[in-house]
Amino acid sequence: MRFYSPLRYPGGKGKISEYFKQVFKHNSLCDGIYVEPYAGGASVALSLLINEYASEVIINDIDKSIYSFWYCVLNRTEELCKLINDTPVNIETWLKQKEIQKKKTKYGYLKLGFSTFYLNRTNRSGIIGAGVIGGKEQKGEWKIDARFNKPELIKRIKRIAKYKDRITLFNKDAVELIQDLRDVLPTNTLFYFDPPYFVKGKDLYLNYYTSENHESIAKEINKITDQKWVVTYDNVDFIAAQYGAYRKQIYDLNYSAAKSSIGKELMIYSDNLKIPTNELIEN
């Protein structure tokens, strides 16, 4: 599997990118538009774009930290890459980047975007609020730079920047984004919703959801009728209930947060979407 995203992400969906290629083929969506209201690492979006399945991708993240990183990838590419190349990967720098995140409203896109990237690559499981790989004393088996291959990461960023004319970036609440887009995008559009986990969202994400938030996004997704959509979640009864009679499948996904494990996730489909017959997801 090729890695296109420079970010590590808890619950990252890069491993199901191949499945979404099949979804595009099966639904005659090739050369269509792909929308990811919870971009995070944007692994699926990048895979579909770089492999020429989608003609355009729309990515969104309400968190200023994540948005700032993607903004810099697309608009301040060389400055971001220079910071990555020139900044030492050590505990002293890590502490400085942590302070930036605590006062994120004070900083512009470049400083905040770089800080987000730095902590994502040096923290356990890529979680911005987590501790550093190897611990502050660096006595662990893995050290702070274990996931910080500068040449490779710079290469990924520069590759993505080449596609910037085909990437639209937003910094909106997902409900607002749906309301803005569902009446203007063509029918050959696929929305992929990967909201924060219901059970462990508070521990993993900068912006987690309450039960009311999960209910609100489900109601808005239900109003998408012209385009197709897919939703993925942790497999819990509360979430399944929000999507009523929509078709659902349970599949295994390898988790890396805290410790490696295999979790059960739920995939939900719009009524107008054809599920690939050569399914990559096992029941």
Foldseek 3Di string as FASTA:
>chain_A
DDFQFLFQAFVDDLVCLVQVLLLLVVFVLFQHEEEEQDCHRVNNVVSCPVVRRYQAYEYEAQDLLQLLQVCCLQPVLVVLLVCLVPPDQALVVLVVLLVCVVVVVVDDSNSSNSSLSLCLQFAFSRFNPHAGVCHNVNPDPDGRCNRRPSVVSSVSSNVVNVCSVRYHYYNDDSLVVLVVPLVPGAQSYEYEYEAQAPPCSVVGDPDHDDLVSLLSVLVSVVPRDRYWYKYKYFDDPSNCVSNPPFDKDWFWDWGPHPHTDIGIMMMTIDPPGDRRPPGPGDD
